[in-house]
Amino acid sequence: MGLSQGIELFLAACILGGFAWALVNGALGNYLLENVPADNRPAYLAWYNLALNAAILLGSLARPLLAGQIGLSAALVLYGLSRLAVGVALWRWG
């Protein structure tokens, strides 16, 4: 999205990103349920939801500030690269 010059590439990125996030969100929930102890599952799910909501809140507050400092296109590319790095780390070290 940081490299798009028109609405077509922006819409394609939004559709692809929404589809990918639907798959990731389902897989992440299943991964969490499979790998936490059954007797302590509610606590793990509560901490997961708190961390997820905190990340969404902090990202919503910090990203516009960073985009204002380095520019919108550069910020979008930086966010994409950081998501790629986190995805590779999760895939590698689980």
C-alpha atoms as a PDB file:
ATOM      1  CA  MET A   1       0.000   0.000   0.000  1.00  0.00           C
ATOM      2  CA  GLY A   2       2.909   2.320   0.566  1.00  0.00           C
ATOM      3  CA  LEU A   3       3.868   2.051  -3.097  1.00  0.00           C
ATOM      4  CA  SER A   4       0.381   2.427  -4.587  1.00  0.00           C
ATOM      5  CA  GLN A   5      -0.244   5.424  -6.812  1.00  0.00           C
ATOM      6  CA  GLY A   6      -3.928   4.790  -7.482  1.00  0.00           C
ATOM      7  CA  ILE A   7      -7.032   3.282  -5.991  1.00  0.00           C
ATOM      8  CA  GLU A   8      -6.706  -0.071  -7.789  1.00  0.00           C
ATOM      9  CA  LEU A   9      -3.550  -1.252  -6.010  1.00  0.00           C
ATOM     10  CA  PHE A  10      -4.850   0.122  -2.716  1.00  0.00           C
ATOM     11  CA  LEU A  11      -8.094  -1.855  -3.006  1.00  0.00           C
ATOM     12  CA  ALA A  12      -6.239  -5.015  -4.062  1.00  0.00           C
ATOM     13  CA  ALA A  13      -3.941  -4.703  -1.033  1.00  0.00           C
ATOM     14  CA  CYS A  14      -6.927  -4.188   1.288  1.00  0.00           C
ATOM     15  CA  ILE A  15      -8.753  -7.232  -0.083  1.00  0.00           C
ATOM     16  CA  LEU A  16      -5.647  -9.426   0.036  1.00  0.00           C
ATOM     17  CA  GLY A  17      -4.762  -8.176   3.520  1.00  0.00           C
ATOM     18  CA  GLY A  18      -8.268  -8.846   4.819  1.00  0.00           C
ATOM     19  CA  PHE A  19      -8.272 -12.376   3.429  1.00  0.00           C
ATOM     20  CA  ALA A  20      -4.810 -13.074   4.836  1.00  0.00           C
ATOM     21  CA  TRP A  21      -5.729 -11.672   8.262  1.00  0.00           C
ATOM     22  CA  ALA A  22      -8.815 -13.901   8.390  1.00  0.00           C
ATOM     23  CA  LEU A  23      -6.592 -16.948   7.868  1.00  0.00           C
ATOM     24  CA  VAL A  24      -3.945 -15.783  10.330  1.00  0.00           C
ATOM     25  CA  ASN A  25      -6.477 -14.926  13.027  1.00  0.00           C
ATOM     26  CA  GLY A  26      -8.094 -18.369  12.800  1.00  0.00           C
ATOM     27  CA  ALA A  27      -4.744 -20.133  12.790  1.00  0.00           C
ATOM     28  CA  LEU A  28      -3.442 -18.072  15.704  1.00  0.00           C
ATOM     29  CA  GLY A  29      -6.458 -18.907  17.841  1.00  0.00           C
ATOM     30  CA  ASN A  30      -6.102 -22.604  17.052  1.00  0.00           C
ATOM     31  CA  TYR A  31      -2.365 -22.492  17.756  1.00  0.00           C
ATOM     32  CA  LEU A  32      -2.994 -20.899  21.124  1.00  0.00           C
ATOM     33  CA  LEU A  33      -5.680 -23.405  22.097  1.00  0.00           C
ATOM     34  CA  GLU A  34      -3.484 -26.351  21.083  1.00  0.00           C
ATOM     35  CA  ASN A  35      -0.371 -25.208  22.944  1.00  0.00           C
ATOM     36  CA  VAL A  36      -1.617 -23.954  26.302  1.00  0.00           C
ATOM     37  CA  PRO A  37      -2.230 -26.214  29.287  1.00  0.00           C
ATOM     38  CA  ALA A  38      -5.875 -27.268  29.498  1.00  0.00           C
ATOM     39  CA  ASP A  39      -6.169 -26.495  33.202  1.00  0.00           C
ATOM     40  CA  ASN A  40      -4.956 -22.907  32.739  1.00  0.00           C
ATOM     41  CA  ARG A  41      -6.566 -22.112  29.375  1.00  0.00           C
ATOM     42  CA  PRO A  42      -8.813 -19.217  30.542  1.00  0.00           C
ATOM     43  CA  ALA A  43      -5.853 -17.303  31.959  1.00  0.00           C
ATOM     44  CA  TYR A  44      -3.842 -17.749  28.758  1.00  0.00           C
ATOM     45  CA  LEU A  45      -6.784 -16.601  26.630  1.00  0.00           C
ATOM     46  CA  ALA A  46      -7.300 -13.561  28.868  1.00  0.00           C
ATOM     47  CA  TRP A  47      -3.639 -12.553  28.598  1.00  0.00           C
ATOM     48  CA  TYR A  48      -3.734 -13.114  24.830  1.00  0.00           C
ATOM     49  CA  ASN A  49      -6.781 -10.840  24.489  1.00  0.00           C
ATOM     50  CA  LEU A  50      -5.211  -8.168  26.695  1.00  0.00           C
ATOM     51  CA  ALA A  51      -1.969  -8.226  24.700  1.00  0.00           C
ATOM     52  CA  LEU A  52      -3.835  -8.149  21.376  1.00  0.00           C
ATOM     53  CA  ASN A  53      -5.983  -5.191  22.414  1.00  0.00           C
ATOM     54  CA  ALA A  54      -2.986  -3.330  23.858  1.00  0.00           C
ATOM     55  CA  ALA A  55      -1.055  -3.839  20.614  1.00  0.00           C
ATOM     56  CA  ILE A  56      -3.983  -2.533  18.579  1.00  0.00           C
ATOM     57  CA  LEU A  57      -4.329   0.526  20.831  1.00  0.00           C
ATOM     58  CA  LEU A  58      -0.612   1.322  20.900  1.00  0.00           C
ATOM     59  CA  GLY A  59      -0.312   0.816  17.149  1.00  0.00           C
ATOM     60  CA  SER A  60      -3.264   3.114  16.529  1.00  0.00           C
ATOM     61  CA  LEU A  61      -1.623   5.806  18.633  1.00  0.00           C
ATOM     62  CA  ALA A  62       2.010   5.414  17.549  1.00  0.00           C
ATOM     63  CA  ARG A  63       1.682   4.811  13.824  1.00  0.00           C
ATOM     64  CA  PRO A  64       0.252   8.228  12.909  1.00  0.00           C
ATOM     65  CA  LEU A  65       3.020   9.893  14.910  1.00  0.00           C
ATOM     66  CA  LEU A  66       5.694   7.934  13.055  1.00  0.00           C
ATOM     67  CA  ALA A  67       3.991   8.544   9.709  1.00  0.00           C
ATOM     68  CA  GLY A  68       4.040  12.254  10.442  1.00  0.00           C
ATOM     69  CA  GLN A  69       7.775  12.098  11.112  1.00  0.00           C
ATOM     70  CA  ILE A  70       8.992   9.999   8.166  1.00  0.00           C
ATOM     71  CA  GLY A  71       6.116  10.267   5.670  1.00  0.00           C
ATOM     72  CA  LEU A  72       3.168   8.022   4.954  1.00  0.00           C
ATOM     73  CA  SER A  73       4.706   5.884   2.198  1.00  0.00           C
ATOM     74  CA  ALA A  74       7.901   5.257   4.143  1.00  0.00           C
ATOM     75  CA  ALA A  75       5.899   4.418   7.256  1.00  0.00           C
ATOM     76  CA  LEU A  76       3.723   1.907   5.382  1.00  0.00           C
ATOM     77  CA  VAL A  77       6.796   0.198   3.949  1.00  0.00           C
ATOM     78  CA  LEU A  78       8.399   0.133   7.411  1.00  0.00           C
ATOM     79  CA  TYR A  79       5.234  -1.371   8.932  1.00  0.00           C
ATOM     80  CA  GLY A  80       5.112  -4.013   6.210  1.00  0.00           C
ATOM     81  CA  LEU A  81       8.741  -4.978   6.759  1.00  0.00           C
ATOM     82  CA  SER A  82       8.247  -5.151  10.525  1.00  0.00           C
ATOM     83  CA  ARG A  83       5.190  -7.410  10.069  1.00  0.00           C
ATOM     84  CA  LEU A  84       7.238  -9.623   7.760  1.00  0.00           C
ATOM     85  CA  ALA A  85      10.023  -9.841  10.348  1.00  0.00           C
ATOM     86  CA  VAL A  86       7.579 -10.770  13.116  1.00  0.00           C
ATOM     87  CA  GLY A  87       5.937 -13.368  10.864  1.00  0.00           C
ATOM     88  CA  VAL A  88       9.292 -14.974  10.089  1.00  0.00           C
ATOM     89  CA  ALA A  89      10.214 -14.972  13.798  1.00  0.00           C
ATOM     90  CA  LEU A  90       6.921 -16.624  14.735  1.00  0.00           C
ATOM     91  CA  TRP A  91       7.312 -19.179  11.964  1.00  0.00           C
ATOM     92  CA  ARG A  92      10.877 -19.974  12.963  1.00  0.00           C
ATOM     93  CA  TRP A  93      10.662 -19.933  16.761  1.00  0.00           C
ATOM     94  CA  GLY A  94       6.888 -20.435  17.142  1.00  0.00           C
END
